């Protein structure tokens, strides 16, 4: 089957806004519809979908999603924000920077960009607007900083990539720390520049800052210490070798329930079923996308398209920097159109062989891919 026809139909289905999981499923059986002799029929696609989900690593995805929802319901983001604002709220761009730091910490709790944006943005965007900041600026800061949810570990995107590329999720988690911090610091530098250029309502800022300071450091610490310990527990158990990422994800769910039910008392026991059902409704969409993408990736392998594309790209240049720039340009365009998880499932079997051919470690390339796709989708 002509490679141009295959990817042309793929682009057309995506352009008409067909659900991504359906696109993967259709494209997986498309070659067998055109050529009955092709050895990957609809039955084989179904088997591949089920086999692809038989993964201990992927069990971490629903666990981290449910954990993020529990933390959001429990109001952990507000306690984190007040704690950081206590120290820097009176500085230039202090409150916007506190929003960025809160997103960074919440990213280390939830592993999800949507969870980070919804949990932090619901409280901080109205807060910033009431203090005189422009609505577009406030929403943009939360949205872009929320993209750190899949860059700062633990990350759902790292888990999906590790399953697709057969890479170590623990190594990906370690590798994602510095890029996440660098992006967060860059956002805070931009906040400082923006506030210096456009000014701030210092009277309103100081009034809110004094209200937070009046609570006192120890009461704020008592309120936020359980939230501050969450990433320490999640990442500490992984990096110390006590738990795998999947086991740590389960621990985060139980820890979140304990804190929100017995410590903060922001979730009632009777509400647990609703929270878990909300998590299941969110995950089932991702589950189908991942399953269908496994069939799609298997189809690509049998068609030998990754090898064909790899040869074409390497024919342009064998310089590692040039190849990486080409692949980043591809991800730049794809990230503007499709969410990062479907993109990872599409691009990993195509681009990873190219990256390894020029000597780029799959873990390093996973960080490049996740950062590129996550921030482009946020923008």
Protein backbone atom coordinates (compact mmCIF):
# COMPACT_ATOMS: atom_id res chain seq x y z
CA UNK A 1 0.00 0.00 0.00
CA UNK A 2 1.32 3.44 -0.94
CA UNK A 3 2.59 5.30 2.11
CA UNK A 4 1.25 8.60 0.77
CA UNK A 5 -2.28 7.20 0.50
CA UNK A 6 -2.13 5.75 4.02
CA UNK A 7 -1.05 8.98 5.72
CA UNK A 8 -3.30 11.05 3.44
CA UNK A 9 -6.36 9.14 4.67
CA UNK A 10 -5.05 9.45 8.26
CA UNK A 11 -4.75 13.23 7.90
CA UNK A 12 -8.22 13.45 6.33
CA UNK A 13 -9.88 11.55 9.18
CA UNK A 14 -8.13 13.74 11.75
CA UNK A 15 -9.08 16.89 9.81
CA UNK A 16 -12.80 16.03 9.91
CA UNK A 17 -12.52 15.76 13.72
CA UNK A 18 -13.22 12.05 13.94
CA UNK A 19 -12.47 10.65 17.43
CA UNK A 20 -8.79 9.73 17.60
CA UNK A 21 -9.46 6.21 18.88
CA UNK A 22 -11.76 5.58 15.92
CA UNK A 23 -9.13 6.94 13.52
CA UNK A 24 -6.52 4.52 14.88
CA UNK A 25 -8.93 1.60 14.62
CA UNK A 26 -9.96 2.41 11.05
CA UNK A 27 -6.40 2.95 9.89
CA UNK A 28 -5.33 -0.34 11.47
CA UNK A 29 -7.81 -2.30 9.32
CA UNK A 30 -7.60 -0.02 6.25
CA UNK A 31 -4.74 -1.91 4.50
CA UNK A 32 -6.59 -5.25 4.85
CA UNK A 33 -9.74 -3.70 3.35
CA UNK A 34 -7.80 -2.62 0.26
CA UNK A 35 -5.77 -5.82 0.08
CA UNK A 36 -7.39 -8.98 1.53
CA UNK A 37 -4.00 -10.71 1.28
CA UNK A 38 -2.54 -8.37 3.89
CA UNK A 39 -1.75 -10.44 6.98
CA UNK A 40 -3.31 -8.09 9.54
CA UNK A 41 -7.10 -8.42 9.47
CA UNK A 42 -9.76 -6.90 11.74
CA UNK A 43 -9.53 -9.94 14.02
CA UNK A 44 -5.78 -9.43 14.37
CA UNK A 45 -6.36 -5.74 15.14
CA UNK A 46 -8.75 -6.68 17.96
CA UNK A 47 -6.22 -9.16 19.38
CA UNK A 48 -3.48 -6.52 19.21
CA UNK A 49 -5.69 -4.00 21.02
CA UNK A 50 -6.36 -6.38 23.90
CA UNK A 51 -2.75 -7.57 24.05
CA UNK A 52 -1.50 -3.99 24.14
CA UNK A 53 -3.55 -3.25 27.25
CA UNK A 54 -2.12 -6.26 29.09
CA UNK A 55 0.56 -4.10 30.65
CA UNK A 56 1.45 -3.65 34.32
CA UNK A 57 3.04 -0.28 33.52
CA UNK A 58 -0.16 1.12 31.96
CA UNK A 59 -2.07 0.38 35.17
CA UNK A 60 -0.41 3.50 36.58
CA UNK A 61 -2.38 5.72 34.17
CA UNK A 62 -5.87 5.27 35.72
CA UNK A 63 -4.39 5.32 39.22
CA UNK A 64 -2.67 8.68 38.72
CA UNK A 65 -5.80 10.08 37.06
CA UNK A 66 -7.98 9.06 40.01
CA UNK A 67 -5.36 10.37 42.43
CA UNK A 68 -5.39 13.74 40.65
CA UNK A 69 -9.18 13.92 40.85
CA UNK A 70 -9.13 13.10 44.56
CA UNK A 71 -6.57 15.86 45.19
CA UNK A 72 -8.61 18.33 43.12
CA UNK A 73 -11.80 17.49 45.03
CA UNK A 74 -9.88 17.82 48.28
CA UNK A 75 -8.73 21.39 47.58
CA UNK A 76 -5.00 20.72 47.82
CA UNK A 77 -4.18 23.35 45.18
CA UNK A 78 -5.57 26.20 47.32
CA UNK A 79 -3.46 25.18 50.31
CA UNK A 80 -0.34 24.93 48.14
CA UNK A 81 -1.00 28.34 46.60
CA UNK A 82 -1.47 30.07 49.98
CA UNK A 83 1.74 28.49 51.28
CA UNK A 84 3.86 29.74 48.36
CA UNK A 85 2.13 33.14 48.27
CA UNK A 86 3.07 33.59 51.94
CA UNK A 87 6.73 33.87 50.92
CA UNK A 88 6.63 35.70 47.56
CA UNK A 89 3.22 37.40 47.34
CA UNK A 90 4.64 40.84 48.11
CA UNK A 91 7.30 40.66 45.39
CA UNK A 92 6.93 41.82 41.78
CA UNK A 93 4.86 39.14 39.99
CA UNK A 94 4.73 37.31 43.31
CA UNK A 95 1.21 35.94 42.95
CA UNK A 96 1.60 34.86 39.27
CA UNK A 97 4.86 33.14 40.23
CA UNK A 98 3.07 31.44 43.12
CA UNK A 99 0.57 30.13 40.56
CA UNK A 100 3.41 28.65 38.49
CA UNK A 101 5.04 27.02 41.53
CA UNK A 102 1.64 25.63 42.59
CA UNK A 103 1.22 24.10 39.12
CA UNK A 104 4.69 22.58 39.40
CA UNK A 105 3.89 20.97 42.75
CA UNK A 106 0.45 19.85 41.64
CA UNK A 107 2.05 18.34 38.52
CA UNK A 108 4.15 16.18 40.86
CA UNK A 109 0.89 14.99 42.42
CA UNK A 110 -1.48 14.37 39.52
CA UNK A 111 0.70 13.49 36.49
CA UNK A 112 -1.93 15.10 34.26
CA UNK A 113 -2.14 18.49 32.54
CA UNK A 114 -5.98 18.71 32.52
CA UNK A 115 -6.08 17.82 36.22
CA UNK A 116 -3.45 20.46 37.01
CA UNK A 117 -5.17 23.18 34.97
CA UNK A 118 -8.64 22.47 36.38
CA UNK A 119 -7.52 22.14 40.00
CA UNK A 120 -5.23 25.18 40.05
CA UNK A 121 -7.05 27.35 37.51
CA UNK A 122 -10.49 27.13 39.12
CA UNK A 123 -9.14 28.96 42.16
CA UNK A 124 -6.23 31.07 40.91
CA UNK A 125 -7.63 32.59 37.68
CA UNK A 126 -10.50 34.44 39.46
CA UNK A 127 -8.03 35.37 42.22
CA UNK A 128 -5.57 36.97 39.77
CA UNK A 129 -8.34 38.75 37.85
CA UNK A 130 -9.74 40.22 41.09
CA UNK A 131 -6.29 41.63 41.81
CA UNK A 132 -6.26 43.51 38.49
CA UNK A 133 -4.35 41.12 36.24
CA UNK A 134 -5.58 40.70 32.67
CA UNK A 135 -7.84 37.67 32.20
CA UNK A 136 -5.90 36.47 29.14
CA UNK A 137 -2.61 36.67 31.06
CA UNK A 138 -4.03 34.81 34.05
CA UNK A 139 -5.59 32.06 31.92
CA UNK A 140 -2.47 31.72 29.76
CA UNK A 141 -0.15 31.33 32.75
CA UNK A 142 -2.29 28.60 34.28
CA UNK A 143 -2.77 26.82 30.95
CA UNK A 144 0.92 26.77 30.00
CA UNK A 145 2.08 26.01 33.55
CA UNK A 146 -0.52 23.25 33.62
CA UNK A 147 1.36 21.65 30.74
CA UNK A 148 4.02 20.83 33.33
CA UNK A 149 1.57 18.19 34.57
CA UNK A 150 2.97 15.77 31.98
CA UNK A 151 6.57 16.99 32.14
CA UNK A 152 7.31 17.02 35.87
CA UNK A 153 7.11 13.42 37.12
CA UNK A 154 5.03 11.43 37.75
CA UNK A 155 3.62 11.81 34.26
CA UNK A 156 0.91 9.90 32.44
CA UNK A 157 2.60 10.77 29.13
CA UNK A 158 5.90 9.23 30.30
CA UNK A 159 4.06 6.04 31.20
CA UNK A 160 2.35 5.86 27.80
CA UNK A 161 5.65 6.58 26.01
CA UNK A 162 7.48 3.95 28.08
CA UNK A 163 4.91 1.35 27.01
CA UNK A 164 5.09 2.40 23.34
CA UNK A 165 8.90 2.66 23.17
CA UNK A 166 9.75 -0.10 25.66
CA UNK A 167 11.65 2.42 27.79
CA UNK A 168 12.05 2.55 31.57
CA UNK A 169 9.33 4.72 33.21
CA UNK A 170 11.54 5.27 36.27
CA UNK A 171 14.37 6.63 34.10
CA UNK A 172 11.88 8.87 32.30
CA UNK A 173 10.65 10.21 35.65
CA UNK A 174 14.20 11.05 36.72
CA UNK A 175 15.03 12.63 33.36
CA UNK A 176 11.92 14.84 33.45
CA UNK A 177 12.77 16.72 36.65
CA UNK A 178 15.28 19.26 35.31
CA UNK A 179 13.35 20.11 32.08
CA UNK A 180 10.19 20.65 34.13
CA UNK A 181 11.97 22.96 36.58
CA UNK A 182 13.63 24.89 33.72
CA UNK A 183 10.27 25.47 32.01
CA UNK A 184 8.73 26.55 35.31
CA UNK A 185 11.56 29.01 36.00
CA UNK A 186 11.24 30.39 32.45
CA UNK A 187 7.53 31.01 33.03
CA UNK A 188 8.30 32.87 36.25
CA UNK A 189 10.86 35.03 34.43
CA UNK A 190 8.16 35.88 31.87
CA UNK A 191 5.70 36.72 34.67
CA UNK A 192 8.27 39.12 36.15
CA UNK A 193 8.85 40.75 32.74
CA UNK A 194 5.10 41.06 32.06
CA UNK A 195 4.36 42.62 35.45
CA UNK A 196 7.27 45.04 35.14
CA UNK A 197 6.05 46.11 31.71
CA UNK A 198 2.32 46.37 32.44
CA UNK A 199 2.42 47.21 36.13
CA UNK A 200 0.43 45.82 39.06
CA UNK A 201 -2.19 47.11 41.48
CA UNK A 202 0.10 47.19 44.50
CA UNK A 203 -2.64 48.28 46.88
CA UNK A 204 -4.83 45.26 46.11
CA UNK A 205 -1.81 42.94 46.04
CA UNK A 206 -0.64 44.02 49.49
CA UNK A 207 -4.16 43.72 50.92
CA UNK A 208 -4.38 40.09 49.77
CA UNK A 209 -0.81 39.40 50.85
CA UNK A 210 -1.49 40.75 54.34
CA UNK A 211 -4.61 38.58 54.58
CA UNK A 212 -2.48 35.51 53.89
CA UNK A 213 0.30 36.63 56.25
CA UNK A 214 -2.21 37.21 59.05
CA UNK A 215 -2.97 33.48 59.08
CA UNK A 216 0.56 32.92 60.37
CA UNK A 217 3.28 30.60 59.11
CA UNK A 218 2.62 27.65 61.41
CA UNK A 219 -1.13 27.45 60.66
CA UNK A 220 -0.37 27.64 56.93
CA UNK A 221 2.30 24.97 57.29
CA UNK A 222 -0.10 22.71 59.19
CA UNK A 223 -2.69 23.17 56.42
CA UNK A 224 -0.31 22.56 53.54
CA UNK A 225 2.20 20.04 54.93
CA UNK A 226 0.11 17.05 53.83
CA UNK A 227 -0.12 18.44 50.31
CA UNK A 228 3.61 19.26 50.29
CA UNK A 229 4.44 15.70 51.33
CA UNK A 230 2.47 14.14 48.46
CA UNK A 231 5.13 14.46 45.73
CA UNK A 232 7.80 13.46 48.26
CA UNK A 233 5.94 10.22 48.98
CA UNK A 234 5.08 9.47 45.35
CA UNK A 235 8.51 10.21 43.87
CA UNK A 236 10.46 9.11 46.94
CA UNK A 237 9.07 5.59 46.79
CA UNK A 238 9.96 5.38 43.08
CA UNK A 239 13.47 6.82 43.22
CA UNK A 240 14.40 4.87 46.35
CA UNK A 241 13.46 1.64 44.60
CA UNK A 242 10.75 0.78 47.14
CA UNK A 243 7.96 0.85 44.54
CA UNK A 244 7.49 0.75 40.81
CA UNK A 245 5.62 3.70 39.22
CA UNK A 246 2.45 1.59 39.12
CA UNK A 247 2.68 0.67 42.79
CA UNK A 248 3.44 4.29 43.67
CA UNK A 249 0.32 5.37 41.75
CA UNK A 250 -1.80 3.08 43.92
CA UNK A 251 -0.16 4.52 47.04
CA UNK A 252 -1.00 8.05 45.84
CA UNK A 253 -4.70 7.09 45.59
CA UNK A 254 -4.83 5.76 49.16
CA UNK A 255 -2.77 8.68 50.48
CA UNK A 256 -5.06 11.17 48.73
CA UNK A 257 -8.15 9.49 50.20
CA UNK A 258 -6.62 9.50 53.70
CA UNK A 259 -5.65 13.18 53.54
CA UNK A 260 -8.90 14.43 51.98
CA UNK A 261 -11.24 12.32 54.14
CA UNK A 262 -9.56 12.24 57.55
CA UNK A 263 -7.19 15.26 57.60
CA UNK A 264 -8.77 18.02 55.51
CA UNK A 265 -12.28 16.46 55.65
CA UNK A 266 -13.09 17.94 52.23
CA UNK A 267 -14.43 14.63 50.84
CA UNK A 268 -17.16 12.58 52.46
CA UNK A 269 -16.97 8.79 52.44
CA UNK A 270 -20.23 8.63 50.47
CA UNK A 271 -18.60 10.73 47.71
CA UNK A 272 -15.81 8.23 47.02
CA UNK A 273 -17.90 6.33 44.47
CA UNK A 274 -18.65 9.53 42.53
CA UNK A 275 -14.96 10.50 42.45
CA UNK A 276 -13.92 7.06 41.20
CA UNK A 277 -16.69 7.07 38.60
CA UNK A 278 -15.52 10.48 37.34
CA UNK A 279 -12.02 9.07 37.01
CA UNK A 280 -13.32 6.02 35.14
CA UNK A 281 -15.27 8.21 32.69
CA UNK A 282 -12.13 10.19 31.96
CA UNK A 283 -9.86 7.18 31.65
CA UNK A 284 -12.12 5.09 29.41
CA UNK A 285 -11.54 7.50 26.51
CA UNK A 286 -7.76 7.33 26.95
CA UNK A 287 -8.01 3.56 27.37
CA UNK A 288 -9.64 3.13 23.97
CA UNK A 289 -7.14 5.49 22.31
CA UNK A 290 -4.19 3.53 23.75
CA UNK A 291 -5.73 0.18 22.79
CA UNK A 292 -6.52 1.28 19.22
CA UNK A 293 -3.08 2.88 18.92
CA UNK A 294 -1.47 -0.48 19.69
CA UNK A 295 -3.26 -1.98 16.69
CA UNK A 296 -2.28 1.04 14.60
CA UNK A 297 1.38 0.72 15.62
CA UNK A 298 1.37 -3.00 14.81
CA UNK A 299 -0.08 -2.23 11.38
CA UNK A 300 2.65 0.36 10.74
CA UNK A 301 5.30 -2.20 11.69
CA UNK A 302 3.93 -4.81 9.30
CA UNK A 303 3.78 -2.24 6.50
CA UNK A 304 7.42 -1.29 7.34
CA UNK A 305 6.54 2.39 7.22
CA UNK A 306 8.81 3.33 10.17
CA UNK A 307 11.80 1.92 8.26
CA UNK A 308 10.76 3.72 5.07
CA UNK A 309 10.33 7.05 6.86
CA UNK A 310 13.59 6.52 8.76
CA UNK A 311 15.53 5.99 5.52
CA UNK A 312 13.94 9.08 3.96
CA UNK A 313 14.80 11.31 6.91
CA UNK A 314 18.33 9.95 7.25
CA UNK A 315 18.83 10.50 3.51
CA UNK A 316 18.40 14.25 4.12
CA UNK A 317 21.25 14.36 6.63
CA UNK A 318 23.13 12.14 9.05
CA UNK A 319 23.80 15.05 11.42
CA UNK A 320 22.16 14.43 14.78
CA UNK A 321 21.24 18.08 15.34
CA UNK A 322 19.63 18.43 11.91
CA UNK A 323 17.66 15.21 12.40
CA UNK A 324 16.45 16.35 15.82
CA UNK A 325 15.39 19.72 14.39
CA UNK A 326 13.41 17.97 11.64
CA UNK A 327 11.68 15.71 14.16
CA UNK A 328 10.94 18.63 16.47
CA UNK A 329 9.38 20.49 13.54
CA UNK A 330 7.15 17.46 12.88
CA UNK A 331 6.14 17.33 16.54
CA UNK A 332 5.61 21.10 16.55
CA UNK A 333 2.95 20.80 13.83
CA UNK A 334 1.35 17.65 15.25
CA UNK A 335 1.24 19.12 18.75
CA UNK A 336 -0.86 22.04 17.54
CA UNK A 337 -3.55 19.69 16.20
CA UNK A 338 -3.74 16.58 18.39
CA UNK A 339 -3.45 15.95 22.14
CA UNK A 340 -0.11 14.70 23.44
CA UNK A 341 -1.12 11.10 24.28
CA UNK A 342 -2.50 10.28 20.78
CA UNK A 343 0.53 12.03 19.31
CA UNK A 344 2.87 9.90 21.39
CA UNK A 345 1.12 6.74 20.20
CA UNK A 346 1.31 7.87 16.55
CA UNK A 347 4.83 9.28 16.48
CA UNK A 348 6.73 6.93 18.82
CA UNK A 349 6.91 3.92 16.46
CA UNK A 350 7.89 6.27 13.60
CA UNK A 351 10.39 8.63 15.22
CA UNK A 352 12.09 6.50 17.88
CA UNK A 353 13.88 4.30 15.27
CA UNK A 354 15.19 7.49 13.64
CA UNK A 355 16.37 8.85 16.99
CA UNK A 356 18.17 5.65 17.94
CA UNK A 357 19.75 5.50 14.46
CA UNK A 358 21.51 8.83 15.10
CA UNK A 359 22.55 7.88 18.64
CA UNK A 360 19.82 9.54 20.73
CA UNK A 361 18.85 7.56 23.82
CA UNK A 362 15.11 6.59 23.80
CA UNK A 363 14.72 8.06 27.30
CA UNK A 364 16.23 11.37 26.18
CA UNK A 365 14.02 11.38 23.11
CA UNK A 366 10.97 10.64 25.27
CA UNK A 367 11.64 13.82 27.25
CA UNK A 368 12.07 15.82 24.03
CA UNK A 369 8.82 14.44 22.63
CA UNK A 370 6.79 14.97 25.80
CA UNK A 371 8.02 18.55 26.34
CA UNK A 372 7.41 19.49 22.71
CA UNK A 373 3.95 17.96 22.42
CA UNK A 374 2.73 19.01 25.87
CA UNK A 375 3.67 22.67 25.55
CA UNK A 376 2.42 22.94 21.95
CA UNK A 377 -0.93 21.46 22.93
CA UNK A 378 -1.13 23.88 25.88
CA UNK A 379 -0.47 26.81 23.56
